[in-house]
Structure formats: structure tokens, C-alpha cells
Protein backbone atom coordinates (compact mmCIF):
# COMPACT_ATOMS: atom_id res chain seq x y z
CA MET A 1 121.02 21.84 164.42
CA ASN A 2 118.71 24.46 166.56
CA THR A 3 116.71 27.03 165.50
CA GLY A 4 118.91 29.85 166.10
CA ALA A 5 121.90 28.25 164.51
CA LYS A 6 119.71 28.00 161.15
CA VAL A 7 118.72 31.61 161.46
CA GLY A 8 122.18 32.83 161.76
CA VAL A 9 123.35 30.44 158.73
CA PHE A 10 120.64 31.81 156.83
CA VAL A 11 121.79 35.75 157.57
CA ALA A 12 125.00 35.16 156.73
CA GLY A 13 124.56 33.67 153.41
CA LEU A 14 122.61 36.63 152.77
CA CYS A 15 125.45 38.62 153.63
CA VAL A 16 127.51 37.09 151.52
CA VAL A 17 124.83 37.27 148.33
CA PHE A 18 124.35 41.19 149.13
CA GLY A 19 128.07 41.78 149.46
CA GLY A 20 128.94 39.89 146.10
CA ALA A 21 126.26 41.74 144.17
CA VAL A 22 127.49 45.28 145.45
CA ALA A 23 131.35 44.15 144.26
CA ILE A 24 129.84 43.07 141.05
CA GLY A 25 127.95 46.31 140.57
CA ASN A 26 131.08 48.17 141.26
CA ALA A 27 132.89 46.46 138.71
CA VAL A 28 130.29 46.71 136.30
CA GLY A 29 129.08 50.31 136.68
CA PRO A 30 125.89 51.79 136.38
CA VAL A 31 123.83 50.36 133.48
CA ASP A 32 122.47 52.83 131.14
CA ASN A 33 120.13 52.50 127.67
CA GLU A 34 123.35 53.60 125.67
CA PRO A 35 126.81 52.30 125.85
CA ALA A 36 129.18 54.63 127.05
CA ALA A 37 131.54 56.54 124.57
CA MET A 38 134.88 54.76 124.21
CA ASP A 39 138.07 56.64 125.01
CA HIS A 40 140.14 55.79 122.01
CA GLU A 41 143.06 57.48 123.13
CA GLU A 42 143.38 55.21 126.15
CA ASP A 43 146.29 52.88 125.84
CA GLY A 44 146.57 53.30 122.26
CA ALA A 45 144.07 50.26 121.98
CA MET A 46 142.66 51.13 119.05
CA GLU A 47 145.69 52.05 116.67
CA ASP A 48 146.66 48.60 117.46
CA MET A 49 143.98 46.85 116.46
CA PRO A 50 144.62 45.24 112.89
CA GLY A 51 143.16 46.54 109.74
CA MET A 52 142.50 49.74 111.57
CA SER A 53 143.40 53.39 110.47
CA ALA A 54 143.65 56.63 112.38
CA ALA A 55 140.30 57.30 110.86
CA ALA A 56 138.74 54.85 113.37
CA ASP A 57 139.58 57.25 116.20
CA LYS A 58 136.43 58.24 115.98
CA VAL A 59 133.13 55.93 114.95
CA PRO A 60 131.90 56.42 111.45
CA GLY A 61 128.53 58.03 111.10
CA GLY A 62 125.41 56.28 110.87
CA LEU A 63 126.53 53.23 113.55
CA GLN A 64 124.69 55.09 116.13
CA VAL A 65 121.18 56.26 117.08
CA ALA A 66 122.43 59.27 119.15
CA GLU A 67 125.63 61.38 119.32
CA ASN A 68 126.38 64.60 120.73
CA GLY A 69 123.29 65.07 122.37
CA TYR A 70 120.90 64.44 119.48
CA ARG A 71 118.52 61.41 118.47
CA LEU A 72 117.01 59.54 115.81
CA VAL A 73 113.64 58.92 116.21
CA LEU A 74 111.52 57.23 113.37
CA ASP A 75 107.96 57.04 114.14
CA GLU A 76 106.81 53.74 112.47
CA PRO A 77 110.19 51.86 112.54
CA GLN A 78 107.96 48.73 111.64
CA GLN A 79 106.46 48.81 107.85
CA ARG A 80 104.64 47.17 105.64
CA PRO A 81 105.75 46.62 101.97
CA ASP A 82 105.04 49.52 99.59
CA ASP A 83 105.86 51.17 96.77
CA GLN A 84 104.76 54.50 97.88
CA ALA A 85 105.53 53.76 101.70
CA THR A 86 105.34 57.12 103.72
CA VAL A 87 108.20 57.80 106.41
CA SER A 88 108.34 60.22 109.28
CA PHE A 89 111.10 60.79 111.41
CA ARG A 90 112.20 63.55 114.08
CA VAL A 91 115.63 64.52 115.08
CA LEU A 92 115.44 65.34 119.01
CA GLY A 93 118.05 68.14 120.05
CA PRO A 94 120.05 67.86 123.60
CA ASP A 95 117.05 69.71 125.16
CA GLY A 96 114.78 66.52 124.13
CA ASP A 97 112.69 68.83 121.72
CA PRO A 98 112.55 67.96 118.00
CA LEU A 99 114.84 69.68 116.17
CA THR A 100 113.50 72.51 113.89
CA ALA A 101 116.64 74.44 113.14
CA TYR A 102 119.24 72.96 110.28
CA GLU A 103 121.83 74.43 108.27
CA THR A 104 121.74 74.19 104.60
CA LEU A 105 124.40 70.94 103.49
CA HIS A 106 125.01 70.17 99.80
CA ASP A 107 122.03 72.48 98.92
CA LYS A 108 119.04 70.63 101.16
CA LYS A 109 118.71 70.70 105.10
CA MET A 110 118.25 66.66 105.31
CA HIS A 111 119.59 64.08 103.42
CA PHE A 112 117.88 60.70 104.25
CA ILE A 113 119.52 57.65 103.26
CA VAL A 114 118.23 54.26 103.30
CA ALA A 115 119.63 50.51 101.99
CA LYS A 116 118.87 46.81 102.99
CA ARG A 117 121.42 45.54 105.38
CA ASP A 118 122.68 43.48 102.56
CA LEU A 119 123.65 46.94 100.55
CA SER A 120 120.41 46.42 98.42
CA GLY A 121 117.73 48.84 97.75
CA PHE A 122 119.94 52.10 98.20
CA GLN A 123 117.40 55.45 98.15
CA HIS A 124 118.60 59.14 98.80
CA VAL A 125 115.88 61.45 99.32
CA HIS A 126 115.08 64.65 100.67
CA PRO A 127 112.18 65.08 103.02
CA THR A 128 109.75 67.86 103.97
CA LEU A 129 109.60 69.15 107.40
CA ASP A 130 106.65 70.51 109.55
CA GLU A 131 106.59 73.26 111.98
CA GLN A 132 106.93 70.44 114.89
CA GLY A 133 109.91 69.26 113.92
CA THR A 134 108.51 66.29 111.97
CA TRP A 135 110.47 65.24 108.62
CA THR A 136 108.32 62.93 105.98
CA THR A 137 109.34 61.36 102.79
CA THR A 138 108.17 58.66 100.34
CA LEU A 139 109.95 55.47 100.12
CA SER A 140 109.85 52.04 98.15
CA LEU A 141 110.10 49.74 100.50
CA ASP A 142 110.05 45.82 99.98
CA PRO A 143 110.36 42.86 102.44
CA GLY A 144 113.63 42.57 104.96
CA GLN A 145 116.05 44.49 107.49
CA TRP A 146 116.98 48.22 106.67
CA ARG A 147 119.07 50.71 107.87
CA THR A 148 118.07 54.34 107.59
CA PHE A 149 120.56 57.29 108.06
CA ALA A 150 119.92 60.92 108.86
CA ASP A 151 122.85 63.27 107.13
CA PHE A 152 122.20 66.83 108.37
CA ASP A 153 123.98 69.79 110.08
CA PRO A 154 122.16 71.54 113.45
CA ALA A 155 121.66 75.10 113.02
CA GLY A 156 124.32 76.90 115.24
CA LYS A 157 127.99 75.59 116.27
CA ASP A 158 127.17 71.77 116.87
CA PRO A 159 128.98 70.01 113.66
CA GLN A 160 127.50 68.30 111.05
CA LEU A 161 125.87 64.51 111.83
CA THR A 162 124.96 61.34 110.32
CA LEU A 163 122.85 59.18 112.85
CA GLY A 164 121.35 55.76 112.03
CA ALA A 165 118.01 53.57 112.98
CA ASP A 166 116.89 50.33 111.81
CA LEU A 167 113.74 49.66 109.79
CA THR A 168 112.02 46.36 109.65
CA VAL A 169 109.56 45.71 106.75
CA ALA A 170 107.40 42.41 106.96
CA GLY A 171 107.64 40.08 104.46
CA GLU A 172 109.85 36.98 103.70
CA PHE A 173 113.50 38.12 102.52
CA THR A 174 116.34 36.28 101.44
CA PRO A 175 119.64 38.80 101.74
CA LYS A 176 121.32 38.88 98.26
CA PRO A 177 125.08 38.31 97.87
CA LEU A 178 127.25 41.52 97.54
CA PRO A 179 128.66 41.92 94.09
CA GLU A 180 132.20 41.36 93.35
CA PRO A 181 134.29 44.56 93.01
CA SER A 182 134.44 46.00 89.67
CA ARG A 183 135.37 48.89 88.25
CA THR A 184 132.24 49.78 85.45
CA ALA A 185 128.54 50.37 86.51
CA THR A 186 126.05 50.41 84.26
CA VAL A 187 122.58 52.44 84.21
CA GLY A 188 120.30 52.33 81.21
CA ASP A 189 122.31 53.69 78.35
CA TYR A 190 124.96 55.14 80.81
CA THR A 191 128.23 53.24 82.00
CA VAL A 192 130.41 54.91 84.91
CA THR A 193 133.94 53.60 85.30
CA LEU A 194 135.96 54.09 88.63
CA ASP A 195 139.43 55.35 88.57
CA GLY A 196 141.42 54.99 92.10
CA ASP A 197 141.84 52.67 95.16
CA ALA A 198 140.17 52.62 98.31
CA ARG A 199 142.89 53.03 101.10
CA THR A 200 142.99 53.02 104.63
CA GLY A 201 144.80 55.57 106.49
CA GLY A 202 144.08 59.06 104.74
CA ASP A 203 141.86 60.45 101.64
CA SER A 204 141.66 57.98 98.85
CA LYS A 205 141.03 60.11 95.55
CA LEU A 206 138.48 58.30 93.72
CA THR A 207 137.32 59.60 90.24
CA LEU A 208 133.99 58.41 88.36
CA THR A 209 133.97 59.14 84.71
CA VAL A 210 130.53 58.76 83.12
CA ALA A 211 129.84 58.17 79.73
CA LYS A 212 126.24 57.65 77.48
CA ASP A 213 126.40 55.25 74.68
CA GLY A 214 130.11 55.13 74.74
CA LYS A 215 130.53 58.64 74.38
CA PRO A 216 131.99 60.99 77.15
CA VAL A 217 128.91 63.20 78.68
CA THR A 218 130.68 66.49 79.46
CA ASP A 219 127.24 68.63 80.17
CA LEU A 220 126.57 66.94 83.61
CA GLN A 221 124.11 69.12 85.52
CA PRO A 222 124.58 70.54 89.27
CA TYR A 223 122.93 68.13 91.52
CA LEU A 224 123.39 68.56 95.35
CA ALA A 225 125.96 71.66 94.84
CA ALA A 226 128.27 69.15 92.98
CA TYR A 227 127.95 67.40 89.64
CA GLY A 228 127.90 64.00 91.87
CA HIS A 229 126.97 63.10 95.20
CA LEU A 230 128.67 60.12 96.50
CA VAL A 231 128.11 57.70 99.26
CA ALA A 232 129.82 55.24 100.69
CA LEU A 233 128.60 52.32 102.96
CA ARG A 234 130.89 49.32 104.79
CA GLU A 235 129.59 45.90 104.43
CA SER A 236 128.00 44.01 107.43
CA ASP A 237 127.95 47.22 110.08
CA LEU A 238 126.73 49.70 107.37
CA ALA A 239 128.96 52.36 108.51
CA TYR A 240 128.50 55.63 106.53
CA LEU A 241 130.86 57.67 105.21
CA HIS A 242 131.37 61.17 104.28
CA VAL A 243 132.49 61.68 100.73
CA HIS A 244 133.72 64.91 99.72
CA PRO A 245 133.32 66.30 96.03
CA ASP A 246 136.83 68.02 94.76
CA GLY A 247 135.12 71.44 93.68
CA GLU A 248 131.74 72.44 92.64
CA PRO A 249 129.70 73.85 89.74
CA GLY A 250 130.89 77.68 88.87
CA ASP A 251 134.36 77.63 90.84
CA GLY A 252 136.06 78.32 87.30
CA ARG A 253 138.11 75.18 87.65
CA THR A 254 135.76 71.84 87.45
CA GLU A 255 134.09 70.36 84.64
CA PRO A 256 130.76 69.17 83.95
CA GLY A 257 132.18 65.91 83.05
CA PRO A 258 133.26 63.23 82.29
CA GLY A 259 135.03 62.70 85.18
CA ILE A 260 134.17 63.64 88.93
CA THR A 261 136.38 63.36 91.69
CA PHE A 262 135.87 62.84 95.16
CA TYR A 263 138.02 61.92 98.32
CA ALA A 264 137.00 59.19 100.90
CA ASP A 265 138.53 58.25 103.81
CA PHE A 266 137.99 54.61 104.76
CA PRO A 267 138.28 53.95 108.15
CA SER A 268 139.13 50.25 107.93
CA GLU A 269 140.22 47.43 105.51
CA GLY A 270 137.40 45.41 103.90
CA SER A 271 134.54 45.52 101.42
CA TYR A 272 132.24 48.92 101.05
CA ARG A 273 129.57 49.50 98.64
CA LEU A 274 129.79 52.97 96.59
CA TYR A 275 126.59 54.67 95.20
CA LEU A 276 127.28 57.58 92.91
CA ASP A 277 124.17 59.98 92.24
CA PHE A 278 124.48 62.06 88.90
CA LYS A 279 121.89 64.34 87.13
CA HIS A 280 122.00 64.19 83.23
CA GLY A 281 119.08 65.19 80.73
CA ASP A 282 117.30 66.59 84.09
CA VAL A 283 117.10 63.01 85.31
CA VAL A 284 119.17 61.31 88.61
CA ARG A 285 120.80 58.51 88.29
CA THR A 286 122.30 55.98 90.60
CA ALA A 287 125.53 54.00 89.67
CA GLU A 288 126.71 51.27 92.23
CA PHE A 289 130.15 50.12 92.96
CA THR A 290 131.95 47.29 95.36
CA VAL A 291 135.06 48.20 96.27
CA GLU A 292 137.45 46.32 98.59
CA ALA A 293 139.51 48.86 100.78
CA GLY A 294 143.43 47.82 101.71
CA ALA A 295 145.83 49.53 103.74
CA LYS A 296 147.51 52.56 101.97
CA GLY A 297 151.20 51.61 100.54
CA SER A 298 149.77 48.00 99.89
CA GLN A 299 149.26 47.26 96.18
CA ASP A 300 146.27 47.27 93.64
CA ALA A 301 145.34 44.74 91.31
CA GLY A 302 147.80 45.86 88.58
CA GLY A 303 150.58 45.96 90.83
CA HIS A 304 150.80 49.56 91.15
CA ASP A 305 152.03 50.96 94.46
CA ASP A 306 149.64 53.84 95.37
CA SER A 307 151.33 54.94 98.79
CA GLY A 308 152.25 58.36 97.34
CA HIS A 309 148.74 58.78 96.46
CA GLY A 310 147.31 62.09 98.06
CA HIS A 311 144.90 64.88 98.04
């Protein structure tokens, strides 16, 4: 082959490679730092997925570091083990600046929750905010992979959000197995009993009853504008569920114990960890439960059909 023919073949090859790259680029679309939001209405694909409820039409809280123009930024996403570790973070607003104006949500402007990826180590704290928009708090951190959640309501018309970000604590770590589902949890002298079943497809009514030394507690103290605060995290991805209390102190109908009722909308079947914060004797304690969410209308362990169970 002469020199001219070789050059022609080379140029033709470049054209084929370039044309293929353009075709692939058009098929894949632009590359961005964040995945595009799914259109859950398209073709009804989400409704057809087994184990998913209508609640899955919206991505559960805590799975995204950025949403609706807001972004959670940890100042030091890698930490050393410390019982009094200082953790600071900012929420960047749609304009890219740190957010400084927040609505009060359950008595606080920021609820900061952390848990390990194996759902141990749960902590619920309320950081302090400086004039520059930096939140600061103290956590007890041991080695492992942690997930942090910023639960807040921006001042103005934008809705409440829960953003999540990973925090790595250096050191050797062996994940703990998820505790088996149980109807009771013990915290010191207190026993908390869970009544109700986790179901997908609508609100599940969950009542947690507090007793001390075997006697019902009827003088719970208000905590975060309620007689208890409940957080639910889904196993594996740690999706964060907003759980709403039924009633509030001083409303004329809600008793200060022994039962505290909540309504939770579980987005999918599977295992969840529940964390109940309650206050008694001027001390906040946390009771933890594992629950298995099933499809609405299925039978519980006692053979009862709760399909009529409602809000």
C-alpha cells in the first residue's frame, strides 16, 4: 500500500471513531456531578416494582446530599475516634451561600441525626448556628462508616428537607448484625412496648408504651413539642422516614403517657430500625426496635389482618 492510501485509511478510521463517540455521547446524555432526578410517573415503572408502595414515588429523606437546590456540606467528612468529636457542617442554599434562616421545627431549627451503616450508634443532637451559617455540635464517634442527616425547614416557601452525607471515622470496624424484630426494648429501668405493625401503602399506626420498674409512666415530659420523638431508618440504604406524632402536649386530648402514638409511612417492604426518644425525670432516653415492614393487608405474626388499620 502506498503512502497516500495509508493516510486515507487512517483518516477514515478517525472519522469512524469520532462518529461513534458522538453517537454514544448523544445516547448517554451530558455528564453531571449529580444524577438526574427520576420521573416516577413515566410508564408507571415505580408502581410496578415489587415491594414498592405509592410512597416510593418520592425519594425518601436522607438518601441525597442535595435536593431542591439545597446541599449538605460536612466540613470534615473524615474524623478520628473521639467521645467528644466536634462536627461542623453547612447547608448551602440555591444561591450557593450558606443558609442562615430556618423555621423552627419541633422546637428546634436543626435536627442532626447520625447512625452507623449497621444502624448502631444512633445519636440525635441539636447543633448551634453561627452568623456565617455553620452548624457545630459534639458527637461520640467510634470507628466505622456513619451516615449523617440534617433535618430542617428553610425559612420561606421551600418545604422541609432531610439531606444526608457520609462520615468516615478511622479505625478497625466490624459491622454488627441487625437485632431481630422485637416488641419490647429496655433502657435502664424503663421498658418500652411497641403495638402496631409496619405496613407499606399508607400510614402505619405505632403506639409505644413506656413503663418504669413494671409500672406505667403517666408523667412523661414534653420533648421536641411532643411526648416522644421517633426516627425510622431503613436497613442497607438508611433511608430516613419522617414520623409524625399523634397530638401534642397541651392540646387537651394527648395524655403524658404511658402510650405515645405515631404514624409512619414505610416506602417499601423490608427491615427498619426505630429510635424513640422520650423524656422522663429530666433525662432523655432512647429505646430502639427492629421492625419488618410488610404489604398493607398482609397478616401479622398473630394472624391478624390489619388492612382496615388507618389514620
